[in-house]
Amino acid sequence: MGLSIKKEDTVVVLTGSEKGKKGRIIKVMPKKDSAIVENTNMIKKHMKPNKQYQQGGIIEKEAPMHISKLMLICPRCSKPTRIGNQLLESGKKMRVCKKCKEVID
């Protein structure tokens, strides 16, 4: 089963403590069915000093969340929408907004 969201898509969080927040997808992990959304689901992580973090200490970063908690925001109608698939004449499969019937990719 393919994922309906991709990197750089804008999504809205549907459930949990982050409900209603909008953000851009930074990373998608298809094997875990999860994605990391910018500035949502923030966690604190204790880091040892290393080359990337010379100071070390407690840093805040985004944690992955399951894709069932996310809904794509259509770039054209700018509403949260479900995604359908449509085959073009060239045989290429494209994502389609269920509300405005516009091709997303």
PDB file of N, CA and C in Angstrom:
ATOM      1  N   MET A   1       0.836  -1.179   0.000  1.00  0.00           N
ATOM      2  CA  MET A   1       0.000   0.000   0.000  1.00  0.00           C
ATOM      3  C   MET A   1       0.879   1.241   0.000  1.00  0.00           C
ATOM      4  N   GLY A   2       0.658   2.139  -0.923  1.00  0.00           N
ATOM      5  CA  GLY A   2       1.437   3.367  -0.991  1.00  0.00           C
ATOM      6  C   GLY A   2       0.908   4.423  -0.030  1.00  0.00           C
ATOM      7  N   LEU A   3       1.779   5.329   0.333  1.00  0.00           N
ATOM      8  CA  LEU A   3       1.375   6.405   1.228  1.00  0.00           C
ATOM      9  C   LEU A   3       0.757   7.539   0.424  1.00  0.00           C
ATOM     10  N   SER A   4      -0.210   8.224   1.029  1.00  0.00           N
ATOM     11  CA  SER A   4      -0.886   9.316   0.330  1.00  0.00           C
ATOM     12  C   SER A   4      -0.213  10.653   0.578  1.00  0.00           C
ATOM     13  N   ILE A   5       0.753  10.705   1.514  1.00  0.00           N
ATOM     14  CA  ILE A   5       1.462  11.946   1.779  1.00  0.00           C
ATOM     15  C   ILE A   5       2.923  11.799   1.408  1.00  0.00           C
ATOM     16  N   LYS A   6       3.519  12.904   1.028  1.00  0.00           N
ATOM     17  CA  LYS A   6       4.927  12.913   0.612  1.00  0.00           C
ATOM     18  C   LYS A   6       5.658  14.039   1.317  1.00  0.00           C
ATOM     19  N   LYS A   7       6.968  14.027   1.212  1.00  0.00           N
ATOM     20  CA  LYS A   7       7.799  15.075   1.784  1.00  0.00           C
ATOM     21  C   LYS A   7       7.422  16.425   1.154  1.00  0.00           C
ATOM     22  N   GLU A   8       7.469  17.479   1.944  1.00  0.00           N
ATOM     23  CA  GLU A   8       7.149  18.859   1.543  1.00  0.00           C
ATOM     24  C   GLU A   8       5.643  19.120   1.409  1.00  0.00           C
ATOM     25  N   ASP A   9       4.769  18.139   1.665  1.00  0.00           N
ATOM     26  CA  ASP A   9       3.323  18.383   1.672  1.00  0.00           C
ATOM     27  C   ASP A   9       2.954  19.161   2.936  1.00  0.00           C
ATOM     28  N   THR A  10       1.894  19.944   2.862  1.00  0.00           N
ATOM     29  CA  THR A  10       1.359  20.620   4.040  1.00  0.00           C
ATOM     30  C   THR A  10       0.214  19.788   4.574  1.00  0.00           C
ATOM     31  N   VAL A  11       0.250  19.498   5.881  1.00  0.00           N
ATOM     32  CA  VAL A  11      -0.764  18.641   6.492  1.00  0.00           C
ATOM     33  C   VAL A  11      -1.323  19.303   7.737  1.00  0.00           C
ATOM     34  N   VAL A  12      -2.472  18.790   8.187  1.00  0.00           N
ATOM     35  CA  VAL A  12      -3.070  19.212   9.446  1.00  0.00           C
ATOM     36  C   VAL A  12      -3.158  17.968  10.332  1.00  0.00           C
ATOM     37  N   VAL A  13      -2.912  18.142  11.646  1.00  0.00           N
ATOM     38  CA  VAL A  13      -2.974  17.035  12.603  1.00  0.00           C
ATOM     39  C   VAL A  13      -4.424  16.867  13.043  1.00  0.00           C
ATOM     40  N   LEU A  14      -4.928  15.623  12.994  1.00  0.00           N
ATOM     41  CA  LEU A  14      -6.331  15.347  13.270  1.00  0.00           C
ATOM     42  C   LEU A  14      -6.622  15.002  14.724  1.00  0.00           C
ATOM     43  N   THR A  15      -5.690  14.334  15.417  1.00  0.00           N
ATOM     44  CA  THR A  15      -5.957  13.872  16.781  1.00  0.00           C
ATOM     45  C   THR A  15      -4.784  14.148  17.704  1.00  0.00           C
ATOM     46  N   GLY A  16      -5.038  13.985  18.984  1.00  0.00           N
ATOM     47  CA  GLY A  16      -3.988  14.101  19.985  1.00  0.00           C
ATOM     48  C   GLY A  16      -3.821  15.512  20.499  1.00  0.00           C
ATOM     49  N   SER A  17      -2.744  15.734  21.258  1.00  0.00           N
ATOM     50  CA  SER A  17      -2.499  17.036  21.880  1.00  0.00           C
ATOM     51  C   SER A  17      -2.136  18.106  20.850  1.00  0.00           C
ATOM     52  N   GLU A  18      -1.730  17.686  19.659  1.00  0.00           N
ATOM     53  CA  GLU A  18      -1.341  18.610  18.590  1.00  0.00           C
ATOM     54  C   GLU A  18      -2.490  18.879  17.611  1.00  0.00           C
ATOM     55  N   LYS A  19      -3.706  18.477  17.964  1.00  0.00           N
ATOM     56  CA  LYS A  19      -4.869  18.572  17.068  1.00  0.00           C
ATOM     57  C   LYS A  19      -5.058  19.989  16.522  1.00  0.00           C
ATOM     58  N   GLY A  20      -5.228  20.096  15.196  1.00  0.00           N
ATOM     59  CA  GLY A  20      -5.481  21.381  14.556  1.00  0.00           C
ATOM     60  C   GLY A  20      -4.239  22.091  14.063  1.00  0.00           C
ATOM     61  N   LYS A  21      -3.057  21.641  14.473  1.00  0.00           N
ATOM     62  CA  LYS A  21      -1.823  22.300  14.031  1.00  0.00           C
ATOM     63  C   LYS A  21      -1.532  21.958  12.582  1.00  0.00           C
ATOM     64  N   LYS A  22      -1.035  22.937  11.840  1.00  0.00           N
ATOM     65  CA  LYS A  22      -0.646  22.727  10.456  1.00  0.00           C
ATOM     66  C   LYS A  22       0.864  22.761  10.367  1.00  0.00           C
ATOM     67  N   GLY A  23       1.414  21.995   9.428  1.00  0.00           N
ATOM     68  CA  GLY A  23       2.860  21.984   9.259  1.00  0.00           C
ATOM     69  C   GLY A  23       3.260  21.290   7.980  1.00  0.00           C
ATOM     70  N   ARG A  24       4.543  21.426   7.661  1.00  0.00           N
ATOM     71  CA  ARG A  24       5.112  20.830   6.456  1.00  0.00           C
ATOM     72  C   ARG A  24       5.797  19.532   6.853  1.00  0.00           C
ATOM     73  N   ILE A  25       5.698  18.521   6.010  1.00  0.00           N
ATOM     74  CA  ILE A  25       6.323  17.241   6.296  1.00  0.00           C
ATOM     75  C   ILE A  25       7.815  17.326   6.000  1.00  0.00           C
ATOM     76  N   ILE A  26       8.614  16.959   6.993  1.00  0.00           N
ATOM     77  CA  ILE A  26      10.066  16.981   6.865  1.00  0.00           C
ATOM     78  C   ILE A  26      10.582  15.641   6.353  1.00  0.00           C
ATOM     79  N   LYS A  27      10.020  14.551   6.894  1.00  0.00           N
ATOM     80  CA  LYS A  27      10.502  13.220   6.549  1.00  0.00           C
ATOM     81  C   LYS A  27       9.347  12.235   6.617  1.00  0.00           C
ATOM     82  N   VAL A  28       9.310  11.278   5.675  1.00  0.00           N
ATOM     83  CA  VAL A  28       8.297  10.223   5.659  1.00  0.00           C
ATOM     84  C   VAL A  28       9.004   8.885   5.836  1.00  0.00           C
ATOM     85  N   MET A  29       8.456   8.048   6.739  1.00  0.00           N
ATOM     86  CA  MET A  29       9.021   6.716   6.983  1.00  0.00           C
ATOM     87  C   MET A  29       7.981   5.658   6.625  1.00  0.00           C
ATOM     88  N   PRO A  30       7.991   5.180   5.361  1.00  0.00           N
ATOM     89  CA  PRO A  30       6.943   4.266   4.898  1.00  0.00           C
ATOM     90  C   PRO A  30       6.901   2.933   5.648  1.00  0.00           C
ATOM     91  N   LYS A  31       8.041   2.409   6.084  1.00  0.00           N
ATOM     92  CA  LYS A  31       8.052   1.114   6.775  1.00  0.00           C
ATOM     93  C   LYS A  31       7.349   1.194   8.124  1.00  0.00           C
ATOM     94  N   LYS A  32       7.401   2.357   8.767  1.00  0.00           N
ATOM     95  CA  LYS A  32       6.746   2.544  10.064  1.00  0.00           C
ATOM     96  C   LYS A  32       5.396   3.241   9.920  1.00  0.00           C
ATOM     97  N   ASP A  33       4.985   3.581   8.696  1.00  0.00           N
ATOM     98  CA  ASP A  33       3.747   4.331   8.434  1.00  0.00           C
ATOM     99  C   ASP A  33       3.678   5.611   9.260  1.00  0.00           C
ATOM    100  N   SER A  34       4.808   6.326   9.312  1.00  0.00           N
ATOM    101  CA  SER A  34       4.837   7.555  10.095  1.00  0.00           C
ATOM    102  C   SER A  34       5.564   8.661   9.352  1.00  0.00           C
ATOM    103  N   ALA A  35       5.395   9.876   9.859  1.00  0.00           N
ATOM    104  CA  ALA A  35       6.017  11.042   9.245  1.00  0.00           C
ATOM    105  C   ALA A  35       6.396  12.030  10.339  1.00  0.00           C
ATOM    106  N   ILE A  36       7.396  12.876  10.038  1.00  0.00           N
ATOM    107  CA  ILE A  36       7.793  13.937  10.947  1.00  0.00           C
ATOM    108  C   ILE A  36       7.274  15.246  10.371  1.00  0.00           C
ATOM    109  N   VAL A  37       6.483  15.967  11.176  1.00  0.00           N
ATOM    110  CA  VAL A  37       5.873  17.220  10.748  1.00  0.00           C
ATOM    111  C   VAL A  37       6.571  18.365  11.476  1.00  0.00           C
ATOM    112  N   GLU A  38       6.851  19.428  10.722  1.00  0.00           N
ATOM    113  CA  GLU A  38       7.570  20.581  11.241  1.00  0.00           C
ATOM    114  C   GLU A  38       6.827  21.231  12.417  1.00  0.00           C
ATOM    115  N   ASN A  39       7.540  21.462  13.528  1.00  0.00           N
ATOM    116  CA  ASN A  39       7.036  22.138  14.734  1.00  0.00           C
ATOM    117  C   ASN A  39       5.816  21.484  15.378  1.00  0.00           C
ATOM    118  N   THR A  40       5.658  20.162  15.231  1.00  0.00           N
ATOM    119  CA  THR A  40       4.590  19.453  15.940  1.00  0.00           C
ATOM    120  C   THR A  40       5.188  18.228  16.610  1.00  0.00           C
ATOM    121  N   ASN A  41       4.517  17.753  17.667  1.00  0.00           N
ATOM    122  CA  ASN A  41       4.934  16.568  18.417  1.00  0.00           C
ATOM    123  C   ASN A  41       6.367  16.712  18.931  1.00  0.00           C
ATOM    124  N   MET A  42       6.650  17.855  19.556  1.00  0.00           N
ATOM    125  CA  MET A  42       8.000  18.154  20.035  1.00  0.00           C
ATOM    126  C   MET A  42       8.332  17.320  21.279  1.00  0.00           C
ATOM    127  N   ILE A  43       9.552  16.783  21.303  1.00  0.00           N
ATOM    128  CA  ILE A  43      10.051  16.031  22.459  1.00  0.00           C
ATOM    129  C   ILE A  43      11.373  16.639  22.904  1.00  0.00           C
ATOM    130  N   LYS A  44      11.748  16.359  24.159  1.00  0.00           N
ATOM    131  CA  LYS A  44      13.048  16.790  24.660  1.00  0.00           C
ATOM    132  C   LYS A  44      13.965  15.575  24.660  1.00  0.00           C
ATOM    133  N   LYS A  45      15.173  15.766  24.127  1.00  0.00           N
ATOM    134  CA  LYS A  45      16.128  14.665  24.029  1.00  0.00           C
ATOM    135  C   LYS A  45      17.424  15.087  24.695  1.00  0.00           C
ATOM    136  N   HIS A  46      17.968  14.217  25.540  1.00  0.00           N
ATOM    137  CA  HIS A  46      19.231  14.497  26.215  1.00  0.00           C
ATOM    138  C   HIS A  46      20.366  14.056  25.284  1.00  0.00           C
ATOM    139  N   MET A  47      21.237  14.993  24.928  1.00  0.00           N
ATOM    140  CA  MET A  47      22.318  14.716  23.979  1.00  0.00           C
ATOM    141  C   MET A  47      23.675  14.870  24.663  1.00  0.00           C
ATOM    142  N   LYS A  48      24.561  13.916  24.393  1.00  0.00           N
ATOM    143  CA  LYS A  48      25.951  14.060  24.817  1.00  0.00           C
ATOM    144  C   LYS A  48      26.636  15.040  23.875  1.00  0.00           C
ATOM    145  N   PRO A  49      27.671  15.714  24.330  1.00  0.00           N
ATOM    146  CA  PRO A  49      28.416  16.572  23.405  1.00  0.00           C
ATOM    147  C   PRO A  49      29.068  15.736  22.295  1.00  0.00           C
ATOM    148  N   ASN A  50      28.908  16.176  21.041  1.00  0.00           N
ATOM    149  CA  ASN A  50      29.557  15.532  19.898  1.00  0.00           C
ATOM    150  C   ASN A  50      29.828  16.599  18.845  1.00  0.00           C
ATOM    151  N   LYS A  51      30.238  16.190  17.660  1.00  0.00           N
ATOM    152  CA  LYS A  51      30.580  17.171  16.622  1.00  0.00           C
ATOM    153  C   LYS A  51      29.391  18.039  16.223  1.00  0.00           C
ATOM    154  N   GLN A  52      28.207  17.435  16.126  1.00  0.00           N
ATOM    155  CA  GLN A  52      27.032  18.202  15.709  1.00  0.00           C
ATOM    156  C   GLN A  52      26.536  19.115  16.833  1.00  0.00           C
ATOM    157  N   TYR A  53      26.554  18.619  18.080  1.00  0.00           N
ATOM    158  CA  TYR A  53      26.113  19.402  19.241  1.00  0.00           C
ATOM    159  C   TYR A  53      27.283  19.522  20.213  1.00  0.00           C
ATOM    160  N   GLN A  54      28.134  20.545  20.015  1.00  0.00           N
ATOM    161  CA  GLN A  54      29.312  20.707  20.850  1.00  0.00           C
ATOM    162  C   GLN A  54      28.940  20.909  22.321  1.00  0.00           C
ATOM    163  N   GLN A  55      27.860  21.638  22.562  1.00  0.00           N
ATOM    164  CA  GLN A  55      27.447  21.948  23.926  1.00  0.00           C
ATOM    165  C   GLN A  55      26.832  20.731  24.611  1.00  0.00           C
ATOM    166  N   GLY A  56      26.059  19.935  23.860  1.00  0.00           N
ATOM    167  CA  GLY A  56      25.320  18.843  24.475  1.00  0.00           C
ATOM    168  C   GLY A  56      24.103  19.396  25.204  1.00  0.00           C
ATOM    169  N   GLY A  57      23.542  18.645  26.141  1.00  0.00           N
ATOM    170  CA  GLY A  57      22.412  19.117  26.934  1.00  0.00           C
ATOM    171  C   GLY A  57      21.082  18.627  26.391  1.00  0.00           C
ATOM    172  N   ILE A  58      20.020  19.333  26.746  1.00  0.00           N
ATOM    173  CA  ILE A  58      18.664  18.941  26.365  1.00  0.00           C
ATOM    174  C   ILE A  58      18.257  19.736  25.128  1.00  0.00           C
ATOM    175  N   ILE A  59      17.901  19.020  24.052  1.00  0.00           N
ATOM    176  CA  ILE A  59      17.445  19.686  22.828  1.00  0.00           C
ATOM    177  C   ILE A  59      15.988  19.296  22.572  1.00  0.00           C
ATOM    178  N   GLU A  60      15.277  20.171  21.870  1.00  0.00           N
ATOM    179  CA  GLU A  60      13.901  19.861  21.473  1.00  0.00           C
ATOM    180  C   GLU A  60      13.889  19.519  19.999  1.00  0.00           C
ATOM    181  N   LYS A  61      13.200  18.432  19.657  1.00  0.00           N
ATOM    182  CA  LYS A  61      13.096  18.040  18.254  1.00  0.00           C
ATOM    183  C   LYS A  61      11.743  17.403  17.997  1.00  0.00           C
ATOM    184  N   GLU A  62      11.402  17.275  16.710  1.00  0.00           N
ATOM    185  CA  GLU A  62      10.122  16.691  16.321  1.00  0.00           C
ATOM    186  C   GLU A  62      10.203  15.171  16.405  1.00  0.00           C
ATOM    187  N   ALA A  63       9.149  14.560  16.896  1.00  0.00           N
ATOM    188  CA  ALA A  63       9.052  13.104  16.937  1.00  0.00           C
ATOM    189  C   ALA A  63       8.116  12.656  15.821  1.00  0.00           C
ATOM    190  N   PRO A  64       8.296  11.431  15.321  1.00  0.00           N
ATOM    191  CA  PRO A  64       7.398  10.940  14.268  1.00  0.00           C
ATOM    192  C   PRO A  64       5.975  10.735  14.792  1.00  0.00           C
ATOM    193  N   MET A  65       4.998  10.910  13.903  1.00  0.00           N
ATOM    194  CA  MET A  65       3.620  10.590  14.244  1.00  0.00           C
ATOM    195  C   MET A  65       3.018   9.739  13.120  1.00  0.00           C
ATOM    196  N   HIS A  66       2.049   8.907  13.481  1.00  0.00           N
ATOM    197  CA  HIS A  66       1.445   7.990  12.519  1.00  0.00           C
ATOM    198  C   HIS A  66       0.685   8.778  11.454  1.00  0.00           C
ATOM    199  N   ILE A  67       0.753   8.294  10.201  1.00  0.00           N
ATOM    200  CA  ILE A  67       0.132   9.042   9.106  1.00  0.00           C
ATOM    201  C   ILE A  67      -1.389   9.045   9.171  1.00  0.00           C
ATOM    202  N   SER A  68      -1.985   8.130   9.955  1.00  0.00           N
ATOM    203  CA  SER A  68      -3.445   8.143  10.107  1.00  0.00           C
ATOM    204  C   SER A  68      -3.906   9.367  10.896  1.00  0.00           C
ATOM    205  N   LYS A  69      -2.995  10.027  11.608  1.00  0.00           N
ATOM    206  CA  LYS A  69      -3.330  11.237  12.369  1.00  0.00           C
ATOM    207  C   LYS A  69      -3.183  12.497  11.528  1.00  0.00           C
ATOM    208  N   LEU A  70      -2.742  12.362  10.274  1.00  0.00           N
ATOM    209  CA  LEU A  70      -2.472  13.512   9.415  1.00  0.00           C
ATOM    210  C   LEU A  70      -3.418  13.536   8.227  1.00  0.00           C
ATOM    211  N   MET A  71      -3.779  14.749   7.774  1.00  0.00           N
ATOM    212  CA  MET A  71      -4.588  14.892   6.566  1.00  0.00           C
ATOM    213  C   MET A  71      -3.981  15.986   5.702  1.00  0.00           C
ATOM    214  N   LEU A  72      -3.840  15.680   4.435  1.00  0.00           N
ATOM    215  CA  LEU A  72      -3.245  16.602   3.482  1.00  0.00           C
ATOM    216  C   LEU A  72      -4.116  17.831   3.270  1.00  0.00           C
ATOM    217  N   ILE A  73      -3.475  18.984   3.154  1.00  0.00           N
ATOM    218  CA  ILE A  73      -4.175  20.222   2.801  1.00  0.00           C
ATOM    219  C   ILE A  73      -3.951  20.452   1.316  1.00  0.00           C
ATOM    220  N   CYS A  74      -5.035  20.526   0.552  1.00  0.00           N
ATOM    221  CA  CYS A  74      -4.951  20.711  -0.899  1.00  0.00           C
ATOM    222  C   CYS A  74      -4.337  22.073  -1.203  1.00  0.00           C
ATOM    223  N   PRO A  75      -3.323  22.132  -2.082  1.00  0.00           N
ATOM    224  CA  PRO A  75      -2.711  23.413  -2.412  1.00  0.00           C
ATOM    225  C   PRO A  75      -3.649  24.367  -3.153  1.00  0.00           C
ATOM    226  N   ARG A  76      -4.634  23.835  -3.871  1.00  0.00           N
ATOM    227  CA  ARG A  76      -5.531  24.689  -4.659  1.00  0.00           C
ATOM    228  C   ARG A  76      -6.687  25.247  -3.834  1.00  0.00           C
ATOM    229  N   CYS A  77      -7.441  24.338  -3.160  1.00  0.00           N
ATOM    230  CA  CYS A  77      -8.607  24.812  -2.401  1.00  0.00           C
ATOM    231  C   CYS A  77      -8.256  25.090  -0.940  1.00  0.00           C
ATOM    232  N   SER A  78      -7.033  24.788  -0.525  1.00  0.00           N
ATOM    233  CA  SER A  78      -6.485  25.003   0.825  1.00  0.00           C
ATOM    234  C   SER A  78      -7.422  24.511   1.935  1.00  0.00           C
ATOM    235  N   LYS A  79      -8.007  23.323   1.721  1.00  0.00           N
ATOM    236  CA  LYS A  79      -8.833  22.665   2.725  1.00  0.00           C
ATOM    237  C   LYS A  79      -8.245  21.273   2.990  1.00  0.00           C
ATOM    238  N   PRO A  80      -8.379  20.771   4.229  1.00  0.00           N
ATOM    239  CA  PRO A  80      -7.960  19.393   4.492  1.00  0.00           C
ATOM    240  C   PRO A  80      -8.825  18.445   3.668  1.00  0.00           C
ATOM    241  N   THR A  81      -8.197  17.499   3.003  1.00  0.00           N
ATOM    242  CA  THR A  81      -8.948  16.642   2.098  1.00  0.00           C
ATOM    243  C   THR A  81      -8.399  15.230   2.064  1.00  0.00           C
ATOM    244  N   ARG A  82      -9.274  14.295   1.695  1.00  0.00           N
ATOM    245  CA  ARG A  82      -8.818  12.940   1.425  1.00  0.00           C
ATOM    246  C   ARG A  82      -8.195  12.941   0.042  1.00  0.00           C
ATOM    247  N   ILE A  83      -7.440  11.894  -0.243  1.00  0.00           N
ATOM    248  CA  ILE A  83      -6.710  11.848  -1.505  1.00  0.00           C
ATOM    249  C   ILE A  83      -7.152  10.625  -2.296  1.00  0.00           C
ATOM    250  N   GLY A  84      -7.433  10.849  -3.575  1.00  0.00           N
ATOM    251  CA  GLY A  84      -7.752   9.757  -4.467  1.00  0.00           C
ATOM    252  C   GLY A  84      -6.630   9.573  -5.474  1.00  0.00           C
ATOM    253  N   ASN A  85      -6.655   8.479  -6.194  1.00  0.00           N
ATOM    254  CA  ASN A  85      -5.672   8.229  -7.239  1.00  0.00           C
ATOM    255  C   ASN A  85      -6.364   8.215  -8.581  1.00  0.00           C
ATOM    256  N   GLN A  86      -5.668   8.751  -9.593  1.00  0.00           N
ATOM    257  CA  GLN A  86      -6.242   8.808 -10.933  1.00  0.00           C
ATOM    258  C   GLN A  86      -5.148   8.467 -11.936  1.00  0.00           C
ATOM    259  N   LEU A  87      -5.495   7.683 -12.938  1.00  0.00           N
ATOM    260  CA  LEU A  87      -4.551   7.348 -13.984  1.00  0.00           C
ATOM    261  C   LEU A  87      -4.676   8.348 -15.115  1.00  0.00           C
ATOM    262  N   LEU A  88      -3.563   8.906 -15.528  1.00  0.00           N
ATOM    263  CA  LEU A  88      -3.571   9.845 -16.652  1.00  0.00           C
ATOM    264  C   LEU A  88      -3.475   9.070 -17.961  1.00  0.00           C
ATOM    265  N   GLU A  89      -3.624   9.783 -19.087  1.00  0.00           N
ATOM    266  CA  GLU A  89      -3.555   9.136 -20.400  1.00  0.00           C
ATOM    267  C   GLU A  89      -2.183   8.506 -20.627  1.00  0.00           C
ATOM    268  N   SER A  90      -1.140   9.110 -20.041  1.00  0.00           N
ATOM    269  CA  SER A  90       0.222   8.593 -20.212  1.00  0.00           C
ATOM    270  C   SER A  90       0.461   7.336 -19.385  1.00  0.00           C
ATOM    271  N   GLY A  91      -0.503   6.969 -18.533  1.00  0.00           N
ATOM    272  CA  GLY A  91      -0.368   5.779 -17.706  1.00  0.00           C
ATOM    273  C   GLY A  91       0.226   6.085 -16.337  1.00  0.00           C
ATOM    274  N   LYS A  92       0.482   7.354 -16.058  1.00  0.00           N
ATOM    275  CA  LYS A  92       1.058   7.748 -14.771  1.00  0.00           C
ATOM    276  C   LYS A  92      -0.048   7.909 -13.735  1.00  0.00           C
ATOM    277  N   LYS A  93       0.215   7.432 -12.506  1.00  0.00           N
ATOM    278  CA  LYS A  93      -0.748   7.516 -11.422  1.00  0.00           C
ATOM    279  C   LYS A  93      -0.522   8.823 -10.661  1.00  0.00           C
ATOM    280  N   MET A  94      -1.578   9.615 -10.485  1.00  0.00           N
ATOM    281  CA  MET A  94      -1.463  10.916  -9.826  1.00  0.00           C
ATOM    282  C   MET A  94      -2.391  10.984  -8.617  1.00  0.00           C
ATOM    283  N   ARG A  95      -2.024  11.822  -7.636  1.00  0.00           N
ATOM    284  CA  ARG A  95      -2.879  12.072  -6.477  1.00  0.00           C
ATOM    285  C   ARG A  95      -3.897  13.155  -6.837  1.00  0.00           C
ATOM    286  N   VAL A  96      -5.141  12.978  -6.382  1.00  0.00           N
ATOM    287  CA  VAL A  96      -6.223  13.901  -6.722  1.00  0.00           C
ATOM    288  C   VAL A  96      -6.953  14.303  -5.445  1.00  0.00           C
ATOM    289  N   CYS A  97      -7.265  15.594  -5.325  1.00  0.00           N
ATOM    290  CA  CYS A  97      -8.048  16.119  -4.202  1.00  0.00           C
ATOM    291  C   CYS A  97      -9.488  15.636  -4.355  1.00  0.00           C
ATOM    292  N   LYS A  98     -10.072  15.085  -3.284  1.00  0.00           N
ATOM    293  CA  LYS A  98     -11.445  14.586  -3.342  1.00  0.00           C
ATOM    294  C   LYS A  98     -12.473  15.715  -3.328  1.00  0.00           C
ATOM    295  N   LYS A  99     -12.085  16.920  -2.877  1.00  0.00           N
ATOM    296  CA  LYS A  99     -13.035  18.032  -2.795  1.00  0.00           C
ATOM    297  C   LYS A  99     -13.118  18.817  -4.094  1.00  0.00           C
ATOM    298  N   CYS A 100     -11.946  19.217  -4.638  1.00  0.00           N
ATOM    299  CA  CYS A 100     -11.975  20.077  -5.834  1.00  0.00           C
ATOM    300  C   CYS A 100     -11.579  19.309  -7.106  1.00  0.00           C
ATOM    301  N   LYS A 101     -11.307  18.024  -6.989  1.00  0.00           N
ATOM    302  CA  LYS A 101     -10.964  17.151  -8.126  1.00  0.00           C
ATOM    303  C   LYS A 101      -9.719  17.613  -8.891  1.00  0.00           C
ATOM    304  N   GLU A 102      -8.836  18.373  -8.237  1.00  0.00           N
ATOM    305  CA  GLU A 102      -7.621  18.885  -8.876  1.00  0.00           C
ATOM    306  C   GLU A 102      -6.451  17.923  -8.632  1.00  0.00           C
ATOM    307  N   VAL A 103      -5.602  17.744  -9.645  1.00  0.00           N
ATOM    308  CA  VAL A 103      -4.404  16.912  -9.510  1.00  0.00           C
ATOM    309  C   VAL A 103      -3.421  17.621  -8.599  1.00  0.00           C
ATOM    310  N   ILE A 104      -2.914  16.923  -7.592  1.00  0.00           N
ATOM    311  CA  ILE A 104      -2.037  17.538  -6.598  1.00  0.00           C
ATOM    312  C   ILE A 104      -0.583  17.577  -7.068  1.00  0.00           C
ATOM    313  N   ASP A 105      -0.104  16.511  -7.664  1.00  0.00           N
ATOM    314  CA  ASP A 105       1.310  16.471  -8.100  1.00  0.00           C
ATOM    315  C   ASP A 105       1.507  17.221  -9.395  1.00  0.00           C
TER     316      ASP A 105
END
